[in-house]
Amino acid sequence: MSKEQLKADIHAAFDAAVPGGAGYTKVYASDMKERNFIVYRSTTVYNYAVGFRPGSTELVIVPVDEDGGRVSAGTPVVITDANRGAVKKRDLQGRFHISTTDGRKFRLSVIPSVPKITAGFYQLPVDQKAECEAFQEVRNLICA
């Protein structure tokens, strides 16, 4: 599957899960959690489609799963000024932290391009330079 097709499928999954989804700018984000055990290390990758509107501080985070070329969406989490908890613009790994007042937490890595080689291990390969720049502006508004 090409990067363009995968990006289109991620956007389509978001649009199908979110009412009015086509009206959002969308960016692919991931989070990797590692757990070290005595015998082995476990790495779990979480993939998300994050929707936003330039100039707004609302985010819609939709978990996405890719399996054999099919992208499916989970339940959207809408984060507005009313239910947003703690935020952190950047941690040591460059991730944006955002939480909700009911305790849900996200650590989002948003990068302009995910190369296919690392995508094999961790993330879905997409190119999203313009969307990434737009997301950084919204992130700055949220953290202002």
Protein backbone atom coordinates (compact mmCIF):
# COMPACT_ATOMS: atom_id res chain seq x y z
CA MET A 1 0.00 0.00 0.00
CA SER A 2 1.34 3.44 -0.91
CA LYS A 3 1.84 6.22 1.64
CA GLU A 4 -0.81 8.28 -0.19
CA GLN A 5 -3.37 5.45 -0.05
CA LEU A 6 -2.69 4.79 3.63
CA LYS A 7 -3.08 8.49 4.47
CA ALA A 8 -6.36 8.60 2.51
CA ASP A 9 -7.59 5.50 4.39
CA ILE A 10 -6.67 7.02 7.79
CA HIS A 11 -8.58 10.20 6.86
CA ALA A 12 -11.57 8.15 5.63
CA ALA A 13 -11.64 6.15 8.90
CA PHE A 14 -11.69 9.44 10.85
CA ASP A 15 -14.47 10.85 8.66
CA ALA A 16 -16.55 7.69 9.16
CA ALA A 17 -16.15 7.82 12.97
CA VAL A 18 -16.66 11.56 13.53
CA PRO A 19 -19.82 13.49 12.58
CA GLY A 20 -18.74 16.23 10.16
CA GLY A 21 -15.28 14.62 10.02
CA ALA A 22 -14.56 15.95 6.53
CA GLY A 23 -14.52 19.50 8.00
CA TYR A 24 -11.42 18.76 10.09
CA THR A 25 -7.77 18.92 9.18
CA LYS A 26 -6.37 15.52 10.08
CA VAL A 27 -2.93 14.39 11.16
CA TYR A 28 -1.57 10.93 11.95
CA ALA A 29 -0.07 10.52 15.42
CA SER A 30 1.40 7.60 17.32
CA ASP A 31 2.51 6.69 20.80
CA MET A 32 4.88 3.92 21.72
CA LYS A 33 4.89 2.35 25.16
CA GLU A 34 7.73 0.07 26.19
CA ARG A 35 7.68 -2.27 29.15
CA ASN A 36 10.80 -4.04 30.28
CA PHE A 37 10.48 -7.52 31.68
CA ILE A 38 13.30 -9.71 32.97
CA VAL A 39 13.20 -11.97 29.92
CA TYR A 40 11.99 -9.67 27.16
CA ARG A 41 10.93 -6.16 26.26
CA SER A 42 7.42 -5.47 25.06
CA THR A 43 6.64 -2.54 22.77
CA THR A 44 3.08 -1.51 22.03
CA VAL A 45 2.30 1.12 19.41
CA TYR A 46 -0.92 3.12 19.47
CA ASN A 47 -1.98 4.85 16.24
CA TYR A 48 -4.33 7.83 16.08
CA ALA A 49 -5.98 10.13 13.60
CA VAL A 50 -6.18 13.57 15.21
CA GLY A 51 -8.66 16.06 13.81
CA PHE A 52 -8.55 19.80 14.40
CA ARG A 53 -9.58 23.10 12.89
CA PRO A 54 -6.95 25.83 12.45
CA GLY A 55 -7.51 28.58 15.01
CA SER A 56 -9.53 26.31 17.33
CA THR A 57 -8.38 24.53 20.50
CA GLU A 58 -10.69 21.53 20.05
CA LEU A 59 -9.07 18.19 19.19
CA VAL A 60 -10.76 14.97 18.16
CA ILE A 61 -8.55 11.93 18.75
CA VAL A 62 -9.57 8.71 17.01
CA PRO A 63 -7.64 5.48 17.66
CA VAL A 64 -6.95 3.76 14.33
CA ASP A 65 -5.84 0.24 13.56
CA GLU A 66 -4.31 -1.02 10.33
CA ASP A 67 -4.60 -4.69 9.57
CA GLY A 68 -3.72 -6.19 6.20
CA GLY A 69 -4.26 -2.89 4.40
CA ARG A 70 -7.58 -2.08 6.07
CA VAL A 71 -7.77 0.90 8.40
CA SER A 72 -10.49 0.88 11.06
CA ALA A 73 -11.40 3.55 13.59
CA GLY A 74 -12.14 3.26 17.29
CA THR A 75 -14.28 5.55 19.43
CA PRO A 76 -13.47 9.27 19.03
CA VAL A 77 -12.39 11.30 22.07
CA VAL A 78 -13.33 14.98 21.79
CA ILE A 79 -11.16 17.32 23.85
CA THR A 80 -12.40 20.90 24.25
CA ASP A 81 -11.58 23.76 26.60
CA ALA A 82 -14.34 22.38 28.88
CA ASN A 83 -12.90 18.88 29.43
CA ARG A 84 -9.19 19.38 28.80
CA GLY A 85 -6.90 18.47 31.68
CA ALA A 86 -3.13 18.87 31.86
CA VAL A 87 -1.12 19.53 28.70
CA LYS A 88 2.58 19.48 27.99
CA LYS A 89 3.89 20.91 24.75
CA ARG A 90 6.88 18.58 24.45
CA ASP A 91 8.50 15.83 26.48
CA LEU A 92 12.04 14.50 26.04
CA GLN A 93 10.89 12.31 23.14
CA GLY A 94 9.18 15.27 21.45
CA ARG A 95 5.68 14.04 22.25
CA PHE A 96 2.72 16.33 22.95
CA HIS A 97 0.85 15.30 26.13
CA ILE A 98 -2.83 16.04 26.52
CA SER A 99 -5.33 14.69 29.02
CA THR A 100 -9.02 14.95 29.78
CA THR A 101 -10.63 15.86 33.08
CA ASP A 102 -12.00 12.29 33.32
CA GLY A 103 -8.48 10.85 33.33
CA ARG A 104 -7.73 9.85 29.75
CA LYS A 105 -4.16 10.64 28.69
CA PHE A 106 -2.53 10.79 25.29
CA ARG A 107 1.13 11.17 24.35
CA LEU A 108 1.16 12.07 20.67
CA SER A 109 4.13 11.93 18.32
CA VAL A 110 3.31 13.90 15.17
CA ILE A 111 6.04 14.03 12.54
CA PRO A 112 6.02 15.35 8.96
CA SER A 113 6.98 12.03 7.39
CA VAL A 114 7.17 8.50 8.74
CA PRO A 115 9.68 6.48 6.70
CA LYS A 116 8.65 2.96 5.65
CA ILE A 117 11.59 1.36 7.46
CA THR A 118 10.57 2.57 10.94
CA ALA A 119 6.95 2.12 9.99
CA GLY A 120 7.60 -1.59 9.77
CA PHE A 121 8.33 -1.63 13.49
CA TYR A 122 6.29 1.17 14.95
CA GLN A 123 4.27 3.59 12.95
CA LEU A 124 2.17 3.79 9.81
CA PRO A 125 4.09 5.32 6.87
CA VAL A 126 2.56 8.66 5.87
CA ASP A 127 3.74 12.03 4.53
CA GLN A 128 1.95 14.99 6.14
CA LYS A 129 4.19 18.04 6.15
CA ALA A 130 1.43 20.67 5.75
CA GLU A 131 -0.88 18.96 8.27
CA CYS A 132 1.98 18.65 10.74
CA GLU A 133 2.71 22.38 10.56
CA ALA A 134 -0.99 23.20 11.02
CA PHE A 135 -1.15 20.84 14.02
CA GLN A 136 1.83 22.56 15.66
CA GLU A 137 -0.02 25.90 15.46
CA VAL A 138 -3.08 24.39 17.18
CA ARG A 139 -0.84 22.69 19.79
CA ASN A 140 0.74 26.11 20.51
CA LEU A 141 -2.75 27.64 20.96
CA ILE A 142 -3.75 24.85 23.37
CA CYS A 143 -0.54 25.26 25.39
CA ALA A 144 -0.61 29.08 25.38
